[in-house]
Amino acid sequence: MDVAASYAMAPGKVILFGEHFVVSGNPAVAAAIRLRTTAYARLRMDGWVTISSKGLGVRVAYRDDELVVHGDGSKVKALNPLKAIVDEARRRFERKDGVDLHVSSEIPVASGLGSSASTAVSTAASLCKAYGAPFDKGIIMELASMAERMVHGRPSGIDHTVITLGGVIIYRPRGGFSSLSFPKFKLVIVNTGRLRSTGRLVAKVQEYLDRDPAVKKRMLSEANRITLEAVESLSRGDLEALGHLMYRNHELLRELGVSSRELDLIVEAARDHNALGAKLTGAGGGGCAIILPRRGSEAEISACMRDLGFEPFIVEVDEEGVVTGTLDEGGIPLEGWGDEG
């Protein structure tokens, strides 16, 4: 008899304002976006756990001390954060059942769009659903945070929080997270295709700021003012003001040295096409830029970015956050789904 498979879908995220400066105590604003990761979980009675990722092309199966690897063995380490979530969920819910877990994502990796957090959140939520636990976003965030610490060391938590909750949130290092009111708007996300190391860029910024206390004070003050004005613009539904603040934020990040030739090209092209605003998002140095287009100009701006050799996505803010469900037919058409070691 087939066992029904549970699934969870989690959005990606963008940092709208405050990246890098949040490390020094400033607030940051993030939004969930409709690029999704889906995790499927199905219980099995033989005690085997299988974890597979469509993007990585690898599947591991383990039970007690037995471990079997299928596919690209060099990618096994990337599944360790998911294994940690599975093991903690089994311990927390006092379950000895095995489980088949499969993850598939629309979100480009290492691009500042929250791919690791979205994977962690969808994995945690699908397991909670499979184990019959109540839909509790607090528990989902707790499980996801384990994986995020393995990936990023000491993350602020902004990624997995906004991905779980959805909408737009502000994070204050000494005050926690709050949801914000916001108008409906679309973003054009532009992927440079250039990978970068968040850790190295964060360290570079801190070294730069610590070199001159006066410069640090000025930049933190300006970044704080931009972020708080952005919160007010969102609450008023003033997208013109919001876009202007995005351009100002990008200039500040350029001064920090975390922009790149590609990111600056995207921002200037957006300005030339009369976009309301544009800036890099996340760590910078590559990854993605976000553009706030005038209503109806999304396709034109996307075509321009494609002509420049970049990969654009038109997205809306995801207001739901993580969602779960059940596949009543008891399976999904995946090669190797349900195979034991």
C-alpha atoms as a PDB file:
ATOM      1  CA  MET A   1       0.000   0.000   0.000  1.00  0.00           C
ATOM      2  CA  ASP A   2       1.362   3.400  -0.986  1.00  0.00           C
ATOM      3  CA  VAL A   3       1.897   5.964   1.746  1.00  0.00           C
ATOM      4  CA  ALA A   4       0.750   9.494   0.922  1.00  0.00           C
ATOM      5  CA  ALA A   5       3.550  11.972   0.302  1.00  0.00           C
ATOM      6  CA  SER A   6       3.532  15.329   2.027  1.00  0.00           C
ATOM      7  CA  TYR A   7       4.969  18.434   0.450  1.00  0.00           C
ATOM      8  CA  ALA A   8       5.915  21.955   1.448  1.00  0.00           C
ATOM      9  CA  MET A   9       6.620  24.962  -0.752  1.00  0.00           C
ATOM     10  CA  ALA A  10       8.735  27.841   0.527  1.00  0.00           C
ATOM     11  CA  PRO A  11       9.525  31.126  -1.242  1.00  0.00           C
ATOM     12  CA  GLY A  12      12.865  32.783  -1.807  1.00  0.00           C
ATOM     13  CA  LYS A  13      13.809  36.178  -0.410  1.00  0.00           C
ATOM     14  CA  VAL A  14      15.473  39.474  -1.228  1.00  0.00           C
ATOM     15  CA  ILE A  15      17.015  42.026   1.081  1.00  0.00           C
ATOM     16  CA  LEU A  16      15.337  45.304   0.177  1.00  0.00           C
ATOM     17  CA  PHE A  17      17.398  47.508   2.486  1.00  0.00           C
ATOM     18  CA  GLY A  18      20.148  47.261   5.082  1.00  0.00           C
ATOM     19  CA  GLU A  19      22.390  44.398   3.955  1.00  0.00           C
ATOM     20  CA  HIS A  20      25.903  44.490   5.457  1.00  0.00           C
ATOM     21  CA  PHE A  21      25.007  47.339   7.828  1.00  0.00           C
ATOM     22  CA  VAL A  22      22.810  44.947   9.798  1.00  0.00           C
ATOM     23  CA  VAL A  23      26.008  43.220  10.973  1.00  0.00           C
ATOM     24  CA  SER A  24      26.903  46.464  12.790  1.00  0.00           C
ATOM     25  CA  GLY A  25      23.528  46.749  14.511  1.00  0.00           C
ATOM     26  CA  ASN A  26      21.424  48.543  11.888  1.00  0.00           C
ATOM     27  CA  PRO A  27      17.937  47.351  10.855  1.00  0.00           C
ATOM     28  CA  ALA A  28      17.323  45.500   7.591  1.00  0.00           C
ATOM     29  CA  VAL A  29      14.187  44.974   5.507  1.00  0.00           C
ATOM     30  CA  ALA A  30      13.540  41.752   3.586  1.00  0.00           C
ATOM     31  CA  ALA A  31      10.740  40.437   1.380  1.00  0.00           C
ATOM     32  CA  ALA A  32       9.643  36.910   0.480  1.00  0.00           C
ATOM     33  CA  ILE A  33       9.454  36.399  -3.297  1.00  0.00           C
ATOM     34  CA  ARG A  34       7.608  33.941  -5.522  1.00  0.00           C
ATOM     35  CA  LEU A  35      10.509  31.775  -6.542  1.00  0.00           C
ATOM     36  CA  ARG A  36       9.950  28.524  -4.693  1.00  0.00           C
ATOM     37  CA  THR A  37      11.601  25.430  -3.324  1.00  0.00           C
ATOM     38  CA  THR A  38       9.445  22.321  -2.958  1.00  0.00           C
ATOM     39  CA  ALA A  39      10.272  19.483  -0.583  1.00  0.00           C
ATOM     40  CA  TYR A  40       8.457  16.122  -0.697  1.00  0.00           C
ATOM     41  CA  ALA A  41       8.464  13.754   2.285  1.00  0.00           C
ATOM     42  CA  ARG A  42       7.031  10.244   2.506  1.00  0.00           C
ATOM     43  CA  LEU A  43       7.311   7.968   5.507  1.00  0.00           C
ATOM     44  CA  ARG A  44       8.636   4.423   5.172  1.00  0.00           C
ATOM     45  CA  MET A  45       8.451   1.558   7.634  1.00  0.00           C
ATOM     46  CA  ASP A  46      11.882   0.002   7.094  1.00  0.00           C
ATOM     47  CA  GLY A  47      13.873   2.680   8.914  1.00  0.00           C
ATOM     48  CA  TRP A  48      15.779   3.863   5.826  1.00  0.00           C
ATOM     49  CA  VAL A  49      16.146   7.595   5.224  1.00  0.00           C
ATOM     50  CA  THR A  50      16.766   8.805   1.673  1.00  0.00           C
ATOM     51  CA  ILE A  51      17.572  12.431   0.804  1.00  0.00           C
ATOM     52  CA  SER A  52      17.862  13.640  -2.772  1.00  0.00           C
ATOM     53  CA  SER A  53      18.208  16.948  -4.560  1.00  0.00           C
ATOM     54  CA  LYS A  54      17.238  17.468  -8.182  1.00  0.00           C
ATOM     55  CA  GLY A  55      19.653  20.378  -8.545  1.00  0.00           C
ATOM     56  CA  LEU A  56      22.631  18.577  -7.012  1.00  0.00           C
ATOM     57  CA  GLY A  57      22.093  15.273  -8.801  1.00  0.00           C
ATOM     58  CA  VAL A  58      22.814  13.180  -5.717  1.00  0.00           C
ATOM     59  CA  ARG A  59      20.872  10.905  -3.370  1.00  0.00           C
ATOM     60  CA  VAL A  60      21.985   9.452  -0.058  1.00  0.00           C
ATOM     61  CA  ALA A  61      20.346   6.598   1.822  1.00  0.00           C
ATOM     62  CA  TYR A  62      21.180   5.743   5.413  1.00  0.00           C
ATOM     63  CA  ARG A  63      19.989   3.556   8.265  1.00  0.00           C
ATOM     64  CA  ASP A  64      21.891   3.278  11.525  1.00  0.00           C
ATOM     65  CA  ASP A  65      25.545   3.017  10.428  1.00  0.00           C
ATOM     66  CA  GLU A  66      24.812   2.095   6.805  1.00  0.00           C
ATOM     67  CA  LEU A  67      25.271   4.786   4.142  1.00  0.00           C
ATOM     68  CA  VAL A  68      24.758   4.443   0.395  1.00  0.00           C
ATOM     69  CA  VAL A  69      25.443   7.238  -2.112  1.00  0.00           C
ATOM     70  CA  HIS A  70      23.874   7.455  -5.566  1.00  0.00           C
ATOM     71  CA  GLY A  71      25.053   9.999  -8.128  1.00  0.00           C
ATOM     72  CA  ASP A  72      27.717  12.685  -7.655  1.00  0.00           C
ATOM     73  CA  GLY A  73      29.479  11.743  -4.420  1.00  0.00           C
ATOM     74  CA  SER A  74      31.275  15.099  -4.289  1.00  0.00           C
ATOM     75  CA  LYS A  75      27.920  16.760  -3.538  1.00  0.00           C
ATOM     76  CA  VAL A  76      27.028  14.622  -0.502  1.00  0.00           C
ATOM     77  CA  LYS A  77      28.285  17.230   1.966  1.00  0.00           C
ATOM     78  CA  ALA A  78      25.705  19.698   0.625  1.00  0.00           C
ATOM     79  CA  LEU A  79      22.948  17.395   1.912  1.00  0.00           C
ATOM     80  CA  ASN A  80      24.264  17.397   5.504  1.00  0.00           C
ATOM     81  CA  PRO A  81      22.078  20.359   6.600  1.00  0.00           C
ATOM     82  CA  LEU A  82      18.993  18.477   5.389  1.00  0.00           C
ATOM     83  CA  LYS A  83      20.150  15.336   7.190  1.00  0.00           C
ATOM     84  CA  ALA A  84      20.413  17.404  10.381  1.00  0.00           C
ATOM     85  CA  ILE A  85      16.797  18.544   9.986  1.00  0.00           C
ATOM     86  CA  VAL A  86      15.579  14.998   9.340  1.00  0.00           C
ATOM     87  CA  ASP A  87      17.429  13.613  12.361  1.00  0.00           C
ATOM     88  CA  GLU A  88      16.194  16.392  14.650  1.00  0.00           C
ATOM     89  CA  ALA A  89      12.598  16.024  13.424  1.00  0.00           C
ATOM     90  CA  ARG A  90      12.683  12.272  14.103  1.00  0.00           C
ATOM     91  CA  ARG A  91      14.082  12.927  17.581  1.00  0.00           C
ATOM     92  CA  ARG A  92      11.670  15.756  18.373  1.00  0.00           C
ATOM     93  CA  PHE A  93       8.585  13.883  17.222  1.00  0.00           C
ATOM     94  CA  GLU A  94       9.819  10.579  18.696  1.00  0.00           C
ATOM     95  CA  ARG A  95       9.522   8.721  15.396  1.00  0.00           C
ATOM     96  CA  LYS A  96      11.564   5.739  14.230  1.00  0.00           C
ATOM     97  CA  ASP A  97       9.997   5.660  10.781  1.00  0.00           C
ATOM     98  CA  GLY A  98      12.286   6.158   7.857  1.00  0.00           C
ATOM     99  CA  VAL A  99      11.491   8.856   5.334  1.00  0.00           C
ATOM    100  CA  ASP A 100      12.079   9.647   1.670  1.00  0.00           C
ATOM    101  CA  LEU A 101      12.893  13.328   1.182  1.00  0.00           C
ATOM    102  CA  HIS A 102      13.287  14.984  -2.195  1.00  0.00           C
ATOM    103  CA  VAL A 103      13.978  18.682  -2.823  1.00  0.00           C
ATOM    104  CA  SER A 104      13.594  20.692  -6.020  1.00  0.00           C
ATOM    105  CA  SER A 105      14.135  24.455  -6.345  1.00  0.00           C
ATOM    106  CA  GLU A 106      13.568  27.322  -8.762  1.00  0.00           C
ATOM    107  CA  ILE A 107      15.993  29.548  -6.843  1.00  0.00           C
ATOM    108  CA  PRO A 108      19.536  30.075  -8.173  1.00  0.00           C
ATOM    109  CA  VAL A 109      22.168  29.066  -5.621  1.00  0.00           C
ATOM    110  CA  ALA A 110      24.731  31.462  -4.126  1.00  0.00           C
ATOM    111  CA  SER A 111      22.874  34.439  -5.567  1.00  0.00           C
ATOM    112  CA  GLY A 112      21.494  36.169  -2.482  1.00  0.00           C
ATOM    113  CA  LEU A 113      17.942  34.884  -2.968  1.00  0.00           C
ATOM    114  CA  GLY A 114      17.805  32.586   0.053  1.00  0.00           C
ATOM    115  CA  SER A 115      18.191  29.225  -1.675  1.00  0.00           C
ATOM    116  CA  SER A 116      19.634  27.458   1.377  1.00  0.00           C
ATOM    117  CA  ALA A 117      17.046  28.927   3.745  1.00  0.00           C
ATOM    118  CA  SER A 118      14.175  28.108   1.381  1.00  0.00           C
ATOM    119  CA  THR A 119      15.423  24.525   1.140  1.00  0.00           C
ATOM    120  CA  ALA A 120      15.716  24.282   4.920  1.00  0.00           C
ATOM    121  CA  VAL A 121      12.253  25.736   5.542  1.00  0.00           C
ATOM    122  CA  SER A 122      10.520  23.553   2.940  1.00  0.00           C
ATOM    123  CA  THR A 123      12.313  20.469   4.270  1.00  0.00           C
ATOM    124  CA  ALA A 124      11.328  21.206   7.871  1.00  0.00           C
ATOM    125  CA  ALA A 125       7.716  21.922   6.942  1.00  0.00           C
ATOM    126  CA  SER A 126       7.346  18.807   4.771  1.00  0.00           C
ATOM    127  CA  LEU A 127       8.648  16.628   7.614  1.00  0.00           C
ATOM    128  CA  CYS A 128       6.292  18.248  10.123  1.00  0.00           C
ATOM    129  CA  LYS A 129       3.429  17.512   7.730  1.00  0.00           C
ATOM    130  CA  ALA A 130       4.560  13.923   7.148  1.00  0.00           C
ATOM    131  CA  TYR A 131       4.859  13.265  10.886  1.00  0.00           C
ATOM    132  CA  GLY A 132       1.404  14.695  11.561  1.00  0.00           C
ATOM    133  CA  ALA A 133       2.659  17.585  13.663  1.00  0.00           C
ATOM    134  CA  PRO A 134       0.531  20.762  13.908  1.00  0.00           C
ATOM    135  CA  PHE A 135       1.390  23.458  11.356  1.00  0.00           C
ATOM    136  CA  ASP A 136       3.536  25.634  13.613  1.00  0.00           C
ATOM    137  CA  LYS A 137       5.760  28.194  11.904  1.00  0.00           C
ATOM    138  CA  GLY A 138       7.765  28.604  15.110  1.00  0.00           C
ATOM    139  CA  ILE A 139       8.782  24.924  15.062  1.00  0.00           C
ATOM    140  CA  ILE A 140       9.512  25.113  11.328  1.00  0.00           C
ATOM    141  CA  MET A 141      11.838  28.072  11.915  1.00  0.00           C
ATOM    142  CA  GLU A 142      13.587  26.272  14.772  1.00  0.00           C
ATOM    143  CA  LEU A 143      14.292  23.230  12.590  1.00  0.00           C
ATOM    144  CA  ALA A 144      15.359  25.353   9.616  1.00  0.00           C
ATOM    145  CA  SER A 145      17.713  27.438  11.742  1.00  0.00           C
ATOM    146  CA  MET A 146      19.815  24.328  12.468  1.00  0.00           C
ATOM    147  CA  ALA A 147      20.548  23.910   8.780  1.00  0.00           C
ATOM    148  CA  GLU A 148      21.197  27.624   8.296  1.00  0.00           C
ATOM    149  CA  ARG A 149      23.806  27.602  11.075  1.00  0.00           C
ATOM    150  CA  MET A 150      25.583  24.733   9.332  1.00  0.00           C
ATOM    151  CA  VAL A 151      25.633  26.686   6.062  1.00  0.00           C
ATOM    152  CA  HIS A 152      26.313  30.234   7.295  1.00  0.00           C
ATOM    153  CA  GLY A 153      27.805  29.924  10.782  1.00  0.00           C
ATOM    154  CA  ARG A 154      25.962  32.619  12.757  1.00  0.00           C
ATOM    155  CA  PRO A 155      23.177  33.948  10.507  1.00  0.00           C
ATOM    156  CA  SER A 156      20.881  36.741  11.680  1.00  0.00           C
ATOM    157  CA  GLY A 157      17.862  34.549  10.967  1.00  0.00           C
ATOM    158  CA  ILE A 158      16.334  37.070   8.575  1.00  0.00           C
ATOM    159  CA  ASP A 159      16.343  34.609   5.647  1.00  0.00           C
ATOM    160  CA  HIS A 160      14.490  31.691   7.183  1.00  0.00           C
ATOM    161  CA  THR A 161      12.182  34.042   9.113  1.00  0.00           C
ATOM    162  CA  VAL A 162      10.863  35.989   6.109  1.00  0.00           C
ATOM    163  CA  ILE A 163      10.701  32.792   4.037  1.00  0.00           C
ATOM    164  CA  THR A 164       8.599  31.063   6.697  1.00  0.00           C
ATOM    165  CA  LEU A 165       6.321  34.016   7.440  1.00  0.00           C
ATOM    166  CA  GLY A 166       6.063  35.573   3.974  1.00  0.00           C
ATOM    167  CA  GLY A 167       5.433  39.237   3.219  1.00  0.00           C
ATOM    168  CA  VAL A 168       7.897  41.977   4.166  1.00  0.00           C
ATOM    169  CA  ILE A 169       9.660  42.123   7.517  1.00  0.00           C
ATOM    170  CA  ILE A 170      12.077  44.390   9.347  1.00  0.00           C
ATOM    171  CA  TYR A 171      14.834  42.918  11.474  1.00  0.00           C
ATOM    172  CA  ARG A 172      16.409  44.893  14.284  1.00  0.00           C
ATOM    173  CA  PRO A 173      19.424  43.126  15.834  1.00  0.00           C
ATOM    174  CA  ARG A 174      18.420  44.268  19.301  1.00  0.00           C
ATOM    175  CA  GLY A 175      14.671  44.129  18.729  1.00  0.00           C
ATOM    176  CA  GLY A 176      13.906  41.057  16.652  1.00  0.00           C
ATOM    177  CA  PHE A 177      11.524  40.726  13.701  1.00  0.00           C
ATOM    178  CA  SER A 178       8.322  42.579  12.838  1.00  0.00           C
ATOM    179  CA  SER A 179       6.011  42.260   9.834  1.00  0.00           C
ATOM    180  CA  LEU A 180       5.490  45.413   7.766  1.00  0.00           C
ATOM    181  CA  SER A 181       2.557  46.718   5.767  1.00  0.00           C
ATOM    182  CA  PHE A 182       3.292  47.166   2.069  1.00  0.00           C
ATOM    183  CA  PRO A 183       1.561  47.848  -1.238  1.00  0.00           C
ATOM    184  CA  LYS A 184       1.421  45.312  -4.048  1.00  0.00           C
ATOM    185  CA  PHE A 185       4.445  45.598  -6.322  1.00  0.00           C
ATOM    186  CA  LYS A 186       6.563  43.524  -8.645  1.00  0.00           C
ATOM    187  CA  LEU A 187      10.335  43.262  -8.824  1.00  0.00           C
ATOM    188  CA  VAL A 188      12.611  42.336 -11.666  1.00  0.00           C
ATOM    189  CA  ILE A 189      15.386  40.244 -10.176  1.00  0.00           C
ATOM    190  CA  VAL A 190      18.494  40.086 -12.327  1.00  0.00           C
ATOM    191  CA  ASN A 191      21.021  37.318 -11.802  1.00  0.00           C
ATOM    192  CA  THR A 192      24.559  38.246 -12.849  1.00  0.00           C
ATOM    193  CA  GLY A 193      25.566  34.579 -12.824  1.00  0.00           C
ATOM    194  CA  ARG A 194      28.645  35.523 -10.847  1.00  0.00           C
ATOM    195  CA  LEU A 195      29.062  33.462  -7.683  1.00  0.00           C
ATOM    196  CA  ARG A 196      30.510  35.000  -4.543  1.00  0.00           C
ATOM    197  CA  SER A 197      31.338  34.204  -0.923  1.00  0.00           C
ATOM    198  CA  THR A 198      29.067  35.928   1.581  1.00  0.00           C
ATOM    199  CA  GLY A 199      31.530  35.329   4.414  1.00  0.00           C
ATOM    200  CA  ARG A 200      34.453  36.956   2.612  1.00  0.00           C
ATOM    201  CA  LEU A 201      32.377  39.981   1.615  1.00  0.00           C
ATOM    202  CA  VAL A 202      31.036  40.477   5.145  1.00  0.00           C
ATOM    203  CA  ALA A 203      34.597  40.339   6.504  1.00  0.00           C
ATOM    204  CA  LYS A 204      35.749  42.816   3.842  1.00  0.00           C
ATOM    205  CA  VAL A 205      33.025  45.282   4.816  1.00  0.00           C
ATOM    206  CA  GLN A 206      33.804  45.069   8.520  1.00  0.00           C
ATOM    207  CA  GLU A 207      37.494  45.638   7.822  1.00  0.00           C
ATOM    208  CA  TYR A 208      36.622  48.707   5.727  1.00  0.00           C
ATOM    209  CA  LEU A 209      34.294  50.180   8.347  1.00  0.00           C
ATOM    210  CA  ASP A 210      36.665  49.536  11.245  1.00  0.00           C
ATOM    211  CA  ARG A 211      39.486  51.354   9.439  1.00  0.00           C
ATOM    212  CA  ASP A 212      37.951  54.804  10.018  1.00  0.00           C
ATOM    213  CA  PRO A 213      35.475  55.370  12.878  1.00  0.00           C
ATOM    214  CA  ALA A 214      34.211  58.625  11.351  1.00  0.00           C
ATOM    215  CA  VAL A 215      33.417  56.961   8.033  1.00  0.00           C
ATOM    216  CA  LYS A 216      31.751  54.079   9.865  1.00  0.00           C
ATOM    217  CA  LYS A 217      29.550  56.450  11.873  1.00  0.00           C
ATOM    218  CA  ARG A 218      28.533  58.405   8.764  1.00  0.00           C
ATOM    219  CA  MET A 219      27.718  55.342   6.693  1.00  0.00           C
ATOM    220  CA  LEU A 220      25.792  53.567   9.459  1.00  0.00           C
ATOM    221  CA  SER A 221      23.787  56.736  10.090  1.00  0.00           C
ATOM    222  CA  GLU A 222      22.950  57.134   6.396  1.00  0.00           C
ATOM    223  CA  ALA A 223      22.067  53.438   5.999  1.00  0.00           C
ATOM    224  CA  ASN A 224      19.822  53.589   9.064  1.00  0.00           C
ATOM    225  CA  ARG A 225      18.052  56.688   7.722  1.00  0.00           C
ATOM    226  CA  ILE A 226      17.491  55.042   4.318  1.00  0.00           C
ATOM    227  CA  THR A 227      16.027  51.886   5.879  1.00  0.00           C
ATOM    228  CA  LEU A 228      13.668  53.742   8.219  1.00  0.00           C
ATOM    229  CA  GLU A 229      12.497  56.030   5.408  1.00  0.00           C
ATOM    230  CA  ALA A 230      11.883  52.913   3.305  1.00  0.00           C
ATOM    231  CA  VAL A 231       9.650  51.474   6.043  1.00  0.00           C
ATOM    232  CA  GLU A 232       7.615  54.689   6.015  1.00  0.00           C
ATOM    233  CA  SER A 233       7.409  54.628   2.204  1.00  0.00           C
ATOM    234  CA  LEU A 234       6.133  51.055   2.277  1.00  0.00           C
ATOM    235  CA  SER A 235       3.472  51.878   4.849  1.00  0.00           C
ATOM    236  CA  ARG A 236       2.298  54.857   2.733  1.00  0.00           C
ATOM    237  CA  GLY A 237       2.393  52.822  -0.482  1.00  0.00           C
ATOM    238  CA  ASP A 238       4.779  55.387  -1.977  1.00  0.00           C
ATOM    239  CA  LEU A 239       6.717  53.380  -4.563  1.00  0.00           C
ATOM    240  CA  GLU A 240       8.339  56.487  -6.080  1.00  0.00           C
ATOM    241  CA  ALA A 241       9.991  57.277  -2.752  1.00  0.00           C
ATOM    242  CA  LEU A 242      10.856  53.621  -2.218  1.00  0.00           C
ATOM    243  CA  GLY A 243      12.637  53.437  -5.567  1.00  0.00           C
ATOM    244  CA  HIS A 244      14.631  56.597  -4.867  1.00  0.00           C
ATOM    245  CA  LEU A 245      15.804  55.058  -1.594  1.00  0.00           C
ATOM    246  CA  MET A 246      16.886  51.902  -3.450  1.00  0.00           C
ATOM    247  CA  TYR A 247      19.180  53.967  -5.682  1.00  0.00           C
ATOM    248  CA  ARG A 248      20.599  55.722  -2.604  1.00  0.00           C
ATOM    249  CA  ASN A 249      21.170  52.380  -0.869  1.00  0.00           C
ATOM    250  CA  HIS A 250      23.040  51.048  -3.895  1.00  0.00           C
ATOM    251  CA  GLU A 251      25.376  54.052  -3.948  1.00  0.00           C
ATOM    252  CA  LEU A 252      26.175  53.456  -0.294  1.00  0.00           C
ATOM    253  CA  LEU A 253      26.923  49.783  -0.999  1.00  0.00           C
ATOM    254  CA  ARG A 254      29.160  50.839  -3.905  1.00  0.00           C
ATOM    255  CA  GLU A 255      31.102  53.015  -1.487  1.00  0.00           C
ATOM    256  CA  LEU A 256      31.515  49.979   0.751  1.00  0.00           C
ATOM    257  CA  GLY A 257      33.131  48.149  -2.166  1.00  0.00           C
ATOM    258  CA  VAL A 258      30.617  45.299  -2.456  1.00  0.00           C
ATOM    259  CA  SER A 259      29.146  46.156  -5.834  1.00  0.00           C
ATOM    260  CA  SER A 260      30.616  44.881  -9.103  1.00  0.00           C
ATOM    261  CA  ARG A 261      30.834  45.924 -12.737  1.00  0.00           C
ATOM    262  CA  GLU A 262      27.831  43.730 -13.550  1.00  0.00           C
ATOM    263  CA  LEU A 263      25.699  45.044 -10.685  1.00  0.00           C
ATOM    264  CA  ASP A 264      26.485  48.670 -11.543  1.00  0.00           C
ATOM    265  CA  LEU A 265      25.639  48.004 -15.192  1.00  0.00           C
ATOM    266  CA  ILE A 266      22.247  46.577 -14.192  1.00  0.00           C
ATOM    267  CA  VAL A 267      21.442  49.534 -11.932  1.00  0.00           C
ATOM    268  CA  GLU A 268      22.418  52.091 -14.589  1.00  0.00           C
ATOM    269  CA  ALA A 269      20.436  50.254 -17.281  1.00  0.00           C
ATOM    270  CA  ALA A 270      17.414  50.238 -14.960  1.00  0.00           C
ATOM    271  CA  ARG A 271      17.794  53.977 -14.437  1.00  0.00           C
ATOM    272  CA  ASP A 272      18.034  54.500 -18.209  1.00  0.00           C
ATOM    273  CA  HIS A 273      14.739  52.609 -18.601  1.00  0.00           C
ATOM    274  CA  ASN A 274      13.045  54.888 -16.082  1.00  0.00           C
ATOM    275  CA  ALA A 275      12.763  52.250 -13.356  1.00  0.00           C
ATOM    276  CA  LEU A 276      11.629  53.574  -9.990  1.00  0.00           C
ATOM    277  CA  GLY A 277      14.649  52.068  -8.260  1.00  0.00           C
ATOM    278  CA  ALA A 278      17.380  49.441  -8.371  1.00  0.00           C
ATOM    279  CA  LYS A 279      20.135  48.086  -6.152  1.00  0.00           C
ATOM    280  CA  LEU A 280      22.188  45.015  -5.440  1.00  0.00           C
ATOM    281  CA  THR A 281      20.628  42.604  -2.973  1.00  0.00           C
ATOM    282  CA  GLY A 282      22.412  40.464  -0.429  1.00  0.00           C
ATOM    283  CA  ALA A 283      26.156  40.258  -0.048  1.00  0.00           C
ATOM    284  CA  GLY A 284      26.990  41.809  -3.433  1.00  0.00           C
ATOM    285  CA  GLY A 285      30.151  41.100  -5.380  1.00  0.00           C
ATOM    286  CA  GLY A 286      27.952  39.295  -7.927  1.00  0.00           C
ATOM    287  CA  GLY A 287      24.738  37.454  -7.231  1.00  0.00           C
ATOM    288  CA  CYS A 288      21.621  39.496  -7.988  1.00  0.00           C
ATOM    289  CA  ALA A 289      20.285  42.993  -8.347  1.00  0.00           C
ATOM    290  CA  ILE A 290      16.651  43.975  -7.818  1.00  0.00           C
ATOM    291  CA  ILE A 291      14.751  46.502  -9.906  1.00  0.00           C
ATOM    292  CA  LEU A 292      11.505  48.213  -8.938  1.00  0.00           C
ATOM    293  CA  PRO A 293       9.853  48.859 -12.326  1.00  0.00           C
ATOM    294  CA  ARG A 294       7.077  51.237 -13.154  1.00  0.00           C
ATOM    295  CA  ARG A 295       3.836  49.320 -13.510  1.00  0.00           C
ATOM    296  CA  GLY A 296       3.609  47.698 -16.925  1.00  0.00           C
ATOM    297  CA  SER A 297       7.317  48.044 -17.760  1.00  0.00           C
ATOM    298  CA  GLU A 298       8.444  44.704 -16.300  1.00  0.00           C
ATOM    299  CA  ALA A 299       8.687  42.897 -19.652  1.00  0.00           C
ATOM    300  CA  GLU A 300      10.606  45.749 -21.289  1.00  0.00           C
ATOM    301  CA  ILE A 301      13.137  45.899 -18.483  1.00  0.00           C
ATOM    302  CA  SER A 302      13.501  42.110 -18.454  1.00  0.00           C
ATOM    303  CA  ALA A 303      14.181  42.123 -22.207  1.00  0.00           C
ATOM    304  CA  CYS A 304      16.843  44.794 -21.723  1.00  0.00           C
ATOM    305  CA  MET A 305      18.551  42.733 -19.020  1.00  0.00           C
ATOM    306  CA  ARG A 306      18.435  39.648 -21.207  1.00  0.00           C
ATOM    307  CA  ASP A 307      20.037  41.633 -24.042  1.00  0.00           C
ATOM    308  CA  LEU A 308      22.840  42.566 -21.652  1.00  0.00           C
ATOM    309  CA  GLY A 309      23.489  38.868 -21.032  1.00  0.00           C
ATOM    310  CA  PHE A 310      21.834  38.523 -17.629  1.00  0.00           C
ATOM    311  CA  GLU A 311      19.044  36.271 -16.335  1.00  0.00           C
ATOM    312  CA  PRO A 312      15.934  38.228 -15.245  1.00  0.00           C
ATOM    313  CA  PHE A 313      12.956  37.019 -13.189  1.00  0.00           C
ATOM    314  CA  ILE A 314       9.720  38.964 -12.733  1.00  0.00           C
ATOM    315  CA  VAL A 315       8.407  38.221  -9.242  1.00  0.00           C
ATOM    316  CA  GLU A 316       5.782  39.364  -6.779  1.00  0.00           C
ATOM    317  CA  VAL A 317       6.044  39.460  -3.011  1.00  0.00           C
ATOM    318  CA  ASP A 318       4.961  36.110  -1.575  1.00  0.00           C
ATOM    319  CA  GLU A 319       2.477  36.908   1.175  1.00  0.00           C
ATOM    320  CA  GLU A 320       1.878  33.334   2.408  1.00  0.00           C
ATOM    321  CA  GLY A 321       5.327  32.112   3.295  1.00  0.00           C
ATOM    322  CA  VAL A 322       5.718  28.360   3.614  1.00  0.00           C
ATOM    323  CA  VAL A 323       2.665  26.212   2.778  1.00  0.00           C
ATOM    324  CA  THR A 324       2.099  22.459   3.050  1.00  0.00           C
ATOM    325  CA  GLY A 325      -0.130  19.810   1.534  1.00  0.00           C
ATOM    326  CA  THR A 326      -0.527  16.116   0.741  1.00  0.00           C
ATOM    327  CA  LEU A 327      -0.205  14.202  -2.529  1.00  0.00           C
ATOM    328  CA  ASP A 328      -3.082  11.773  -2.156  1.00  0.00           C
ATOM    329  CA  GLU A 329      -1.879   9.425  -4.884  1.00  0.00           C
ATOM    330  CA  GLY A 330       0.942   8.333  -2.651  1.00  0.00           C
ATOM    331  CA  GLY A 331       3.943   9.185  -4.741  1.00  0.00           C
ATOM    332  CA  ILE A 332       5.647  11.528  -7.153  1.00  0.00           C
ATOM    333  CA  PRO A 333       7.244  10.511 -10.459  1.00  0.00           C
ATOM    334  CA  LEU A 334      10.894  10.699  -9.449  1.00  0.00           C
ATOM    335  CA  GLU A 335      13.624   8.311 -10.471  1.00  0.00           C
ATOM    336  CA  GLY A 336      14.753   6.404  -7.391  1.00  0.00           C
ATOM    337  CA  TRP A 337      11.917   7.738  -5.228  1.00  0.00           C
ATOM    338  CA  GLY A 338      11.356   5.167  -2.525  1.00  0.00           C
ATOM    339  CA  ASP A 339      14.402   3.006  -3.303  1.00  0.00           C
ATOM    340  CA  GLU A 340      16.222   1.774  -0.252  1.00  0.00           C
ATOM    341  CA  GLY A 341      19.969   1.638   0.089  1.00  0.00           C
END
